[in-house]
Amino acid sequence: MTLNINKKFFILAGETSGDYIGRSIIKGLKDKEGPNISFFGIGGSLMKEEGLNVMYEMNDFNIMGFVNTIHKYKKLNNYKNNIISHILREKPVAVITIDTKGFSFALAKKLKTLFKKNNFKCSLIHFVPPTIWAYGKSRINKWRNLHDGLFCLFKNEERIFNQYNVKCNYVGNPVIENFIDINKKSNNSNILYKKYKAQEQDFICLLFPGSRDTEIKNILSEFILLIKNNKDKSKNIKWFIPTTKLQYCKIVDKIEINGLSNIVKVIILKDNYDILKCANIAVACSGTITLELVLFKIPTIAVYKTDFLSSCIGRMLVDFKNVLLPNFILERGIVPFLFQEKCQFKYINQLLYENIEQIESKKRIFKEASNEIIERMDYSKSEKKINFATQSSNEIMNVINSFN
């Protein structure tokens, strides 16, 4: 059934970080365009809260690894064809995709051909372009001239794309803005410690196993072994596993099966974000969370483990110096990275305790890094304050209006 709304937008986000970005985009468009707009597509709980009419569950698109992509190819291709049919029927003013690069690319490529064939004016817009700075610059060629608007969330990313004659505009970063907003609020440390049943002398360690099923499968088991083999009782470590609402029950079950319910507390990060203000150290699956942790000045170790074939392909294609967002932004390796065979509890434990023994100097280093990231992303000492929701909505509407 066609919606009786002046302007409709299709928007797709296939993972937790994209859901967060999508919420900001929807908010910005609603503020700019008023009530006579609607959104349909794929997103998570945050985008649903802003009024997104969901076609499929976001988790179905949250796929990593060469083997998993092949395994889900038929299902994803069916989704793509159904989405295309829905878009052609609803006739939105724009198709907005966020990250989910493989699926987003295939969708945009097919739509571009069909729009031209049917003489249908609809803007193709993409946020979070391929990470050519980490996964090979040759990928940039197939993205050239595909979208009507291409937007990035990192300042130095804009420079790299423009060097290759691909127009890509930096529109700010909602993760940075969220940190700045939270950091302005004064939290009583005693209240926070009481909330999480900890004391100031306790050492709060956060473990992030990722948001995808495959990440949790490969990484959570190493975290469980890390906790079970923690022999040094001189450090009173309080273990927390922050996760998404979608993965919460699955992780709780694993913790209970391993008899660790009294040692580890599983929490939903969205509802307990203030734990980042009192944490001492973190071990995190590679992703946006590593940037958030560095912003909160938390000494962090990044880890990742995937299937054997994907890891072999990754070693050939990935620039490991740049694969972590904070390292890419700072152009140096502040966050150590344990990949594949190094992502084992014994190596994590060794690096964890090295950081604990040097915790004061590590805190100073990460504090300086946090300030430098904010500066490099144009959020500090700037006369013109960046606002991602406003900037992204302005850019989207500029692209749409250029069609008329």
Protein backbone atom coordinates (compact mmCIF):
# COMPACT_ATOMS: atom_id res chain seq x y z
CA MET A 1 0.00 0.00 0.00
CA THR A 2 1.44 3.39 -1.00
CA LEU A 3 1.83 5.83 1.88
CA ASN A 4 0.07 9.19 1.57
CA ILE A 5 3.10 11.28 2.45
CA ASN A 6 4.72 14.10 0.50
CA LYS A 7 8.26 12.76 0.76
CA LYS A 8 9.36 9.20 1.36
CA PHE A 9 12.90 8.02 2.03
CA PHE A 10 14.29 4.52 1.79
CA ILE A 11 17.09 4.03 4.32
CA LEU A 12 19.20 0.96 5.04
CA ALA A 13 21.56 0.19 7.92
CA GLY A 14 22.84 -3.35 8.38
CA GLU A 15 24.64 -3.18 11.73
CA THR A 16 24.59 -1.54 15.15
CA SER A 17 26.88 1.38 14.26
CA GLY A 18 24.80 2.04 11.13
CA ASP A 19 21.62 2.05 13.21
CA TYR A 20 23.13 4.80 15.35
CA ILE A 21 24.08 6.84 12.27
CA GLY A 22 20.66 6.20 10.69
CA ARG A 23 18.86 7.54 13.75
CA SER A 24 20.78 10.82 13.47
CA ILE A 25 20.02 11.09 9.75
CA ILE A 26 16.28 10.52 10.32
CA LYS A 27 16.24 13.06 13.15
CA GLY A 28 17.96 15.65 10.98
CA LEU A 29 15.56 15.14 8.06
CA LYS A 30 12.51 15.32 10.34
CA ASP A 31 13.77 18.58 11.86
CA LYS A 32 14.47 20.05 8.42
CA GLU A 33 11.46 18.83 6.45
CA GLY A 34 8.70 18.70 9.07
CA PRO A 35 6.03 16.05 9.58
CA ASN A 36 5.16 15.22 5.95
CA ILE A 37 7.93 12.71 5.44
CA SER A 38 8.22 8.98 6.09
CA PHE A 39 10.96 6.36 6.18
CA PHE A 40 10.97 2.71 5.19
CA GLY A 41 13.77 0.18 4.86
CA ILE A 42 16.11 -1.75 7.15
CA GLY A 43 17.36 -0.64 10.54
CA GLY A 44 17.57 -1.46 14.22
CA SER A 45 15.80 -0.36 17.39
CA LEU A 46 17.16 3.21 17.27
CA MET A 47 15.85 3.87 13.75
CA LYS A 48 12.54 2.20 14.62
CA GLU A 49 12.17 4.62 17.54
CA GLU A 50 12.48 7.49 15.05
CA GLY A 51 9.66 6.09 12.91
CA LEU A 52 11.34 3.75 10.40
CA ASN A 53 8.92 1.24 8.87
CA VAL A 54 11.07 -1.90 8.83
CA MET A 55 10.98 -4.36 5.95
CA TYR A 56 13.49 -6.90 7.32
CA GLU A 57 15.45 -7.43 10.53
CA MET A 58 18.77 -5.60 10.52
CA ASN A 59 20.63 -8.63 11.84
CA ASP A 60 20.00 -10.49 8.56
CA PHE A 61 22.34 -8.02 6.82
CA ASN A 62 25.00 -8.02 9.54
CA ILE A 63 27.46 -10.37 7.85
CA MET A 64 31.25 -10.50 8.03
CA GLY A 65 33.71 -12.83 6.38
CA PHE A 66 34.11 -14.31 2.93
CA VAL A 67 32.57 -17.69 3.80
CA ASN A 68 29.52 -16.22 5.54
CA THR A 69 28.85 -13.89 2.61
CA ILE A 70 28.84 -16.82 0.17
CA HIS A 71 26.64 -18.87 2.49
CA LYS A 72 24.05 -16.07 2.72
CA TYR A 73 24.28 -15.00 -0.93
CA LYS A 74 20.94 -16.48 -2.08
CA LYS A 75 19.05 -15.03 0.87
CA LEU A 76 20.61 -11.59 0.43
CA ASN A 77 19.91 -11.64 -3.32
CA ASN A 78 16.23 -12.33 -2.61
CA TYR A 79 16.18 -9.46 -0.13
CA LYS A 80 17.77 -7.19 -2.74
CA ASN A 81 15.16 -8.04 -5.39
CA ASN A 82 12.27 -7.55 -2.94
CA ILE A 83 13.69 -4.24 -1.75
CA ILE A 84 14.09 -3.03 -5.34
CA SER A 85 10.46 -3.93 -6.11
CA HIS A 86 9.33 -2.07 -2.99
CA ILE A 87 11.38 1.00 -3.89
CA LEU A 88 10.01 1.12 -7.44
CA ARG A 89 6.49 0.83 -6.07
CA GLU A 90 6.83 3.42 -3.27
CA LYS A 91 8.90 5.90 -5.35
CA PRO A 92 10.96 7.56 -2.59
CA VAL A 93 12.80 10.83 -3.20
CA ALA A 94 16.05 9.21 -2.09
CA VAL A 95 17.62 5.83 -1.38
CA ILE A 96 20.03 6.21 1.54
CA THR A 97 22.39 3.38 2.44
CA ILE A 98 24.71 3.31 5.45
CA ASP A 99 27.84 1.15 5.48
CA THR A 100 26.86 -2.54 4.72
CA LYS A 101 29.12 -2.00 1.74
CA GLY A 102 28.72 -5.19 -0.29
CA PHE A 103 24.93 -5.17 -0.17
CA SER A 104 24.69 -1.38 -0.52
CA PHE A 105 26.91 -1.44 -3.60
CA ALA A 106 24.91 -4.21 -5.32
CA LEU A 107 21.63 -2.46 -4.49
CA ALA A 108 22.78 0.95 -5.79
CA LYS A 109 24.24 -0.53 -8.98
CA LYS A 110 20.98 -2.30 -9.87
CA LEU A 111 18.81 0.68 -8.93
CA LYS A 112 20.89 3.09 -11.00
CA THR A 113 20.23 0.97 -14.10
CA LEU A 114 16.51 0.64 -13.37
CA PHE A 115 16.03 4.32 -12.55
CA LYS A 116 17.60 5.28 -15.87
CA LYS A 117 15.54 2.69 -17.75
CA ASN A 118 12.28 3.90 -16.17
CA ASN A 119 13.22 7.59 -16.29
CA PHE A 120 12.65 7.77 -12.52
CA LYS A 121 14.38 10.55 -10.60
CA CYS A 122 15.55 9.25 -7.24
CA SER A 123 18.81 10.17 -5.50
CA LEU A 124 21.25 7.43 -4.54
CA ILE A 125 23.06 8.47 -1.36
CA HIS A 126 25.60 6.54 0.69
CA PHE A 127 27.15 7.16 4.10
CA VAL A 128 30.35 5.46 5.32
CA PRO A 129 32.09 4.60 2.02
CA PRO A 130 34.44 1.62 1.63
CA THR A 131 37.44 1.76 3.92
CA ILE A 132 39.97 2.01 1.12
CA TRP A 133 42.58 3.22 3.62
CA ALA A 134 42.46 -0.24 5.25
CA TYR A 135 41.22 -2.63 2.56
CA GLY A 136 42.92 -1.53 -0.64
CA LYS A 137 42.57 1.60 -2.78
CA SER A 138 41.66 -0.41 -5.90
CA ARG A 139 38.12 -0.76 -4.52
CA ILE A 140 37.53 2.93 -5.09
CA ASN A 141 37.16 2.55 -8.87
CA LYS A 142 33.86 0.68 -8.81
CA TRP A 143 32.34 3.28 -6.45
CA ARG A 144 33.23 6.18 -8.72
CA ASN A 145 30.11 7.92 -10.18
CA LEU A 146 27.77 5.33 -8.64
CA HIS A 147 26.07 7.57 -6.08
CA ASP A 148 24.67 11.07 -6.35
CA GLY A 149 25.99 11.81 -2.87
CA LEU A 150 28.81 10.09 -0.98
CA PHE A 151 29.48 11.12 2.63
CA CYS A 152 32.09 10.12 5.18
CA LEU A 153 32.43 10.41 8.95
CA PHE A 154 36.18 10.96 9.20
CA LYS A 155 38.00 14.12 8.13
CA ASN A 156 41.10 12.43 6.69
CA GLU A 157 38.84 10.04 4.75
CA GLU A 158 37.48 12.98 2.73
CA ARG A 159 41.03 13.93 1.73
CA ILE A 160 41.89 10.37 0.60
CA PHE A 161 38.79 10.04 -1.61
CA ASN A 162 39.31 13.45 -3.17
CA GLN A 163 42.89 12.48 -4.03
CA TYR A 164 41.40 9.73 -6.20
CA ASN A 165 38.91 12.13 -7.85
CA VAL A 166 35.92 10.73 -6.00
CA LYS A 167 33.79 13.45 -4.43
CA CYS A 168 33.18 12.52 -0.81
CA ASN A 169 32.15 15.08 1.80
CA TYR A 170 32.84 14.97 5.53
CA VAL A 171 29.61 15.70 7.46
CA GLY A 172 30.71 15.25 11.05
CA ASN A 173 30.50 12.20 13.28
CA PRO A 174 27.63 11.29 15.66
CA VAL A 175 29.95 9.14 17.80
CA ILE A 176 32.16 12.17 18.54
CA GLU A 177 29.12 14.33 19.23
CA ASN A 178 27.63 11.75 21.58
CA PHE A 179 30.90 11.60 23.52
CA ILE A 180 31.09 15.40 23.78
CA ASP A 181 27.49 15.62 25.03
CA ILE A 182 28.02 12.89 27.64
CA ASN A 183 31.38 14.28 28.70
CA LYS A 184 29.79 17.66 29.46
CA LYS A 185 27.48 16.03 32.01
CA SER A 186 29.03 15.70 35.44
CA ASN A 187 28.54 12.22 36.89
CA ASN A 188 29.13 11.52 40.56
CA SER A 189 31.72 8.73 40.58
CA ASN A 190 30.35 7.33 43.86
CA ILE A 191 26.90 6.96 42.30
CA LEU A 192 28.39 5.18 39.28
CA TYR A 193 30.41 2.77 41.43
CA LYS A 194 27.35 2.05 43.53
CA LYS A 195 25.24 1.43 40.40
CA TYR A 196 27.72 -1.15 39.13
CA LYS A 197 28.41 -2.62 42.60
CA ALA A 198 32.07 -1.67 42.47
CA GLN A 199 34.47 0.30 44.62
CA GLU A 200 37.05 2.88 43.60
CA GLN A 201 39.90 0.44 44.25
CA ASP A 202 38.30 -2.16 41.94
CA PHE A 203 39.64 -2.53 38.44
CA ILE A 204 36.73 -2.37 35.99
CA CYS A 205 37.48 -4.27 32.79
CA LEU A 206 35.07 -4.14 29.85
CA LEU A 207 34.94 -6.97 27.32
CA PHE A 208 33.24 -6.30 23.98
CA PRO A 209 32.80 -9.52 21.92
CA GLY A 210 31.21 -7.71 18.94
CA SER A 211 27.64 -7.33 17.72
CA ARG A 212 27.54 -9.95 14.95
CA ASP A 213 26.71 -13.61 15.57
CA THR A 214 30.00 -14.77 14.00
CA GLU A 215 32.05 -12.33 16.09
CA ILE A 216 30.44 -13.47 19.33
CA LYS A 217 30.89 -17.11 18.37
CA ASN A 218 34.63 -16.66 17.77
CA ILE A 219 35.54 -14.10 20.42
CA LEU A 220 33.28 -14.69 23.44
CA SER A 221 34.81 -18.12 24.07
CA GLU A 222 38.26 -16.51 24.40
CA PHE A 223 36.88 -13.94 26.83
CA ILE A 224 35.38 -16.74 28.93
CA LEU A 225 38.74 -18.53 29.02
CA LEU A 226 40.42 -15.22 29.91
CA ILE A 227 38.19 -14.84 32.96
CA LYS A 228 38.46 -18.50 34.00
CA ASN A 229 42.26 -18.38 33.83
CA ASN A 230 42.63 -15.11 35.70
CA LYS A 231 44.99 -16.30 38.42
CA ASP A 232 46.28 -12.98 39.71
CA LYS A 233 43.97 -12.13 42.60
CA SER A 234 46.10 -9.13 43.66
CA LYS A 235 44.11 -7.08 41.11
CA ASN A 236 40.46 -7.04 42.06
CA ILE A 237 39.10 -7.07 38.50
CA LYS A 238 35.40 -6.51 37.95
CA TRP A 239 34.41 -8.00 34.59
CA PHE A 240 31.63 -6.48 32.47
CA ILE A 241 30.41 -7.53 29.03
CA PRO A 242 28.47 -4.64 27.44
CA THR A 243 26.43 -5.76 24.44
CA THR A 244 23.38 -5.01 22.32
CA LYS A 245 19.80 -5.81 23.28
CA LEU A 246 19.70 -8.30 20.40
CA GLN A 247 22.68 -10.30 21.69
CA TYR A 248 22.07 -9.91 25.44
CA CYS A 249 20.23 -13.20 26.15
CA LYS A 250 22.63 -15.23 24.01
CA ILE A 251 25.65 -13.93 25.96
CA VAL A 252 23.94 -14.32 29.35
CA ASP A 253 23.22 -17.97 28.51
CA LYS A 254 26.88 -18.58 27.63
CA ILE A 255 28.04 -16.97 30.87
CA GLU A 256 25.59 -19.07 32.92
CA ILE A 257 26.59 -22.32 31.18
CA ASN A 258 30.22 -21.62 32.08
CA GLY A 259 29.36 -20.88 35.72
CA LEU A 260 30.52 -17.27 35.61
CA SER A 261 27.29 -15.46 36.53
CA ASN A 262 28.72 -14.35 39.89
CA ILE A 263 31.95 -13.10 38.31
CA VAL A 264 30.82 -11.42 35.09
CA LYS A 265 28.01 -8.93 34.63
CA VAL A 266 26.41 -8.72 31.18
CA ILE A 267 24.81 -5.33 30.48
CA ILE A 268 23.07 -3.65 27.55
CA LEU A 269 25.43 -0.84 26.53
CA LYS A 270 22.66 1.45 25.28
CA ASP A 271 21.10 1.49 28.77
CA ASN A 272 24.40 1.60 30.68
CA TYR A 273 26.57 3.88 28.56
CA ASP A 274 27.81 5.69 31.67
CA ILE A 275 29.99 2.67 32.51
CA LEU A 276 32.47 4.13 30.02
CA LYS A 277 33.02 6.96 32.51
CA CYS A 278 34.30 4.67 35.27
CA ALA A 279 35.99 1.82 33.35
CA ASN A 280 39.75 1.31 33.77
CA ILE A 281 40.56 -0.85 30.76
CA ALA A 282 38.86 -2.61 27.83
CA VAL A 283 39.29 -5.46 25.36
CA ALA A 284 37.11 -4.95 22.30
CA CYS A 285 36.25 -6.56 19.01
CA SER A 286 37.52 -4.35 16.18
CA GLY A 287 34.86 -1.80 15.20
CA THR A 288 33.41 1.60 16.07
CA ILE A 289 33.53 0.74 19.77
CA THR A 290 37.34 1.09 19.72
CA LEU A 291 36.91 4.75 18.77
CA GLU A 292 34.36 5.29 21.55
CA LEU A 293 36.66 3.71 24.13
CA VAL A 294 39.62 5.88 23.13
CA LEU A 295 37.41 8.98 23.27
CA PHE A 296 36.54 8.03 26.86
CA LYS A 297 40.31 7.76 27.55
CA ILE A 298 40.08 4.04 28.34
CA PRO A 299 43.28 2.05 27.58
CA THR A 300 42.08 -0.45 24.98
CA ILE A 301 43.19 -3.70 23.34
CA ALA A 302 41.48 -4.61 20.05
CA VAL A 303 40.89 -8.22 18.95
CA TYR A 304 39.37 -10.05 16.01
CA LYS A 305 38.90 -13.65 14.93
CA THR A 306 37.10 -15.04 11.89
CA ASP A 307 37.03 -18.24 9.83
CA PHE A 308 40.31 -19.52 8.36
CA LEU A 309 39.57 -18.61 4.71
CA SER A 310 38.43 -15.08 5.57
CA SER A 311 41.54 -14.58 7.71
CA CYS A 312 43.80 -15.64 4.81
CA ILE A 313 42.03 -13.24 2.44
CA GLY A 314 42.21 -10.54 5.11
CA ARG A 315 45.98 -10.88 5.45
CA MET A 316 46.33 -10.31 1.70
CA LEU A 317 43.97 -7.33 1.49
CA VAL A 318 44.00 -5.54 4.85
CA ASP A 319 46.39 -2.80 5.92
CA PHE A 320 46.54 -3.66 9.62
CA LYS A 321 48.15 -0.32 10.48
CA ASN A 322 44.91 1.42 9.53
CA VAL A 323 42.20 -1.14 10.22
CA LEU A 324 41.37 0.31 13.68
CA LEU A 325 39.54 3.64 13.54
CA PRO A 326 41.50 5.44 16.30
CA ASN A 327 44.81 4.35 14.72
CA PHE A 328 43.62 5.56 11.31
CA ILE A 329 42.51 8.96 12.62
CA LEU A 330 45.67 9.48 14.67
CA GLU A 331 47.95 8.01 12.00
CA ARG A 332 49.78 5.90 14.59
CA GLY A 333 49.21 2.63 16.43
CA ILE A 334 47.88 3.67 19.80
CA VAL A 335 45.55 0.64 20.13
CA PRO A 336 47.27 -2.78 19.85
CA PHE A 337 45.51 -5.37 17.69
CA LEU A 338 45.42 -9.14 18.28
CA PHE A 339 44.21 -10.82 15.08
CA GLN A 340 43.22 -14.44 14.47
CA GLU A 341 45.77 -16.83 16.07
CA LYS A 342 46.82 -13.98 18.42
CA CYS A 343 43.20 -13.57 19.50
CA GLN A 344 43.59 -16.20 22.21
CA PHE A 345 43.04 -15.76 25.92
CA LYS A 346 46.73 -16.29 26.78
CA TYR A 347 47.85 -13.44 24.50
CA ILE A 348 44.97 -11.21 25.59
CA ASN A 349 45.82 -11.90 29.24
CA GLN A 350 49.49 -11.06 28.71
CA LEU A 351 48.73 -7.75 27.02
CA LEU A 352 45.98 -6.95 29.52
CA TYR A 353 48.32 -7.27 32.49
CA GLU A 354 51.09 -5.34 30.76
CA ASN A 355 48.60 -2.48 30.41
CA ILE A 356 47.40 -2.85 34.00
CA GLU A 357 50.99 -2.61 35.30
CA GLN A 358 51.46 0.61 33.29
CA ILE A 359 47.92 1.91 33.78
CA GLU A 360 48.79 5.48 34.85
CA SER A 361 51.03 6.14 31.85
CA LYS A 362 48.47 4.42 29.57
CA LYS A 363 45.73 6.70 30.88
CA ARG A 364 47.82 9.78 30.07
CA ILE A 365 48.49 8.48 26.55
CA PHE A 366 44.81 7.76 25.88
CA LYS A 367 43.75 11.12 27.34
CA GLU A 368 46.06 12.91 24.89
CA ALA A 369 44.76 10.68 22.08
CA SER A 370 41.14 11.52 22.92
CA ASN A 371 41.82 15.26 22.76
CA GLU A 372 43.76 14.88 19.51
CA ILE A 373 40.94 12.91 17.82
CA ILE A 374 38.43 15.63 18.68
CA GLU A 375 40.82 18.25 17.29
CA ARG A 376 41.48 16.31 14.09
CA MET A 377 37.74 15.82 13.49
CA ASP A 378 37.15 19.61 13.63
CA TYR A 379 35.17 19.52 16.87
CA SER A 380 37.57 21.60 18.93
CA LYS A 381 38.46 25.29 18.67
CA SER A 382 36.13 25.64 15.71
CA GLU A 383 34.11 28.77 15.14
CA LYS A 384 31.51 26.81 13.19
CA LYS A 385 30.22 23.91 15.27
CA ILE A 386 29.64 20.74 13.28
CA ASN A 387 26.37 18.90 13.80
CA PHE A 388 26.02 15.59 11.99
CA ALA A 389 22.20 15.46 11.95
CA THR A 390 21.93 19.00 10.54
CA GLN A 391 24.85 18.67 8.14
CA SER A 392 23.74 15.29 6.75
CA SER A 393 20.13 16.40 6.24
CA ASN A 394 21.29 19.58 4.46
CA GLU A 395 23.53 17.55 2.15
CA ILE A 396 20.79 14.99 1.43
CA MET A 397 18.28 17.68 0.50
CA ASN A 398 20.88 19.49 -1.66
CA VAL A 399 21.38 16.26 -3.62
CA ILE A 400 17.62 15.73 -3.99
CA ASN A 401 16.98 19.32 -5.04
CA SER A 402 19.72 19.14 -7.67
CA PHE A 403 17.54 16.64 -9.55
CA ASN A 404 14.77 19.21 -10.01
